[in-house]
């Protein structure tokens, strides 16, 4: 069963900012395994989401979306 959350908004935001995943990891201090989890649509902590929002100066809705099944 897949999680009802999607990180597609984050991947679009990175494209808009011309930023790759490696740079995201450098700025936020999150690990490659955490980024990989997000890429697979798995759960990550709100601390990770907070770091991303702070560093990219964005809102949580710019990082994750909720899909209703």
Protein backbone atom coordinates (compact mmCIF):
# COMPACT_ATOMS: atom_id res chain seq x y z
CA UNK A 1 0.00 0.00 0.00
CA UNK A 2 1.47 3.33 -1.02
CA UNK A 3 1.42 6.38 1.19
CA UNK A 4 -1.07 9.12 0.35
CA UNK A 5 1.70 11.73 0.24
CA UNK A 6 3.63 12.86 -2.80
CA UNK A 7 6.87 14.84 -2.99
CA UNK A 8 6.27 15.86 -6.61
CA UNK A 9 5.95 19.51 -5.56
CA UNK A 10 9.51 19.35 -4.19
CA UNK A 11 10.94 17.88 -7.40
CA UNK A 12 9.18 20.60 -9.42
CA UNK A 13 10.51 23.26 -7.03
CA UNK A 14 14.06 21.97 -7.45
CA UNK A 15 13.69 22.18 -11.22
CA UNK A 16 12.36 25.74 -10.94
CA UNK A 17 15.32 26.68 -8.73
CA UNK A 18 17.74 24.84 -11.06
CA UNK A 19 18.89 22.78 -8.08
CA UNK A 20 19.80 19.11 -8.00
CA UNK A 21 19.28 16.61 -5.20
CA UNK A 22 22.94 16.77 -4.20
CA UNK A 23 22.71 20.52 -3.61
CA UNK A 24 19.49 19.99 -1.63
CA UNK A 25 21.35 17.53 0.60
CA UNK A 26 24.23 19.99 1.07
CA UNK A 27 21.93 22.85 2.03
CA UNK A 28 19.70 20.88 4.38
CA UNK A 29 22.05 18.29 5.83
CA UNK A 30 19.66 15.47 4.96
CA UNK A 31 21.11 12.15 3.86
CA UNK A 32 20.98 10.49 0.47
CA UNK A 33 18.91 7.67 1.99
CA UNK A 34 16.31 10.24 3.13
CA UNK A 35 16.17 11.80 -0.33
CA UNK A 36 15.83 8.32 -1.80
CA UNK A 37 12.90 7.62 0.55
CA UNK A 38 11.22 10.80 -0.62
CA UNK A 39 11.84 9.87 -4.25
CA UNK A 40 10.09 6.54 -3.59
CA UNK A 41 7.20 8.36 -1.89
CA UNK A 42 7.95 6.99 1.57
CA UNK A 43 7.46 8.80 4.86
CA UNK A 44 10.09 11.14 6.24
CA UNK A 45 10.03 13.10 9.48
CA UNK A 46 8.58 16.56 9.79
CA UNK A 47 12.06 17.66 10.86
CA UNK A 48 13.25 16.88 7.32
CA UNK A 49 10.34 18.80 5.82
CA UNK A 50 11.13 21.71 8.16
CA UNK A 51 14.77 21.80 7.06
CA UNK A 52 13.74 21.85 3.41
CA UNK A 53 11.16 24.60 3.94
CA UNK A 54 13.63 26.75 5.88
CA UNK A 55 16.47 26.38 3.37
CA UNK A 56 14.33 26.81 0.25
CA UNK A 57 12.19 29.53 1.87
CA UNK A 58 8.98 27.77 0.94
CA UNK A 59 5.79 26.39 2.45
CA UNK A 60 5.08 22.73 3.22
CA UNK A 61 2.69 22.64 0.25
CA UNK A 62 5.68 23.41 -1.98
CA UNK A 63 7.31 20.20 -0.74
CA UNK A 64 4.59 17.63 -0.20
CA UNK A 65 1.02 17.10 -1.35
CA UNK A 66 -1.73 14.82 -0.08
CA UNK A 67 -3.44 12.49 -2.53
CA UNK A 68 -6.92 11.37 -1.65
CA UNK A 69 -7.63 7.83 -2.76
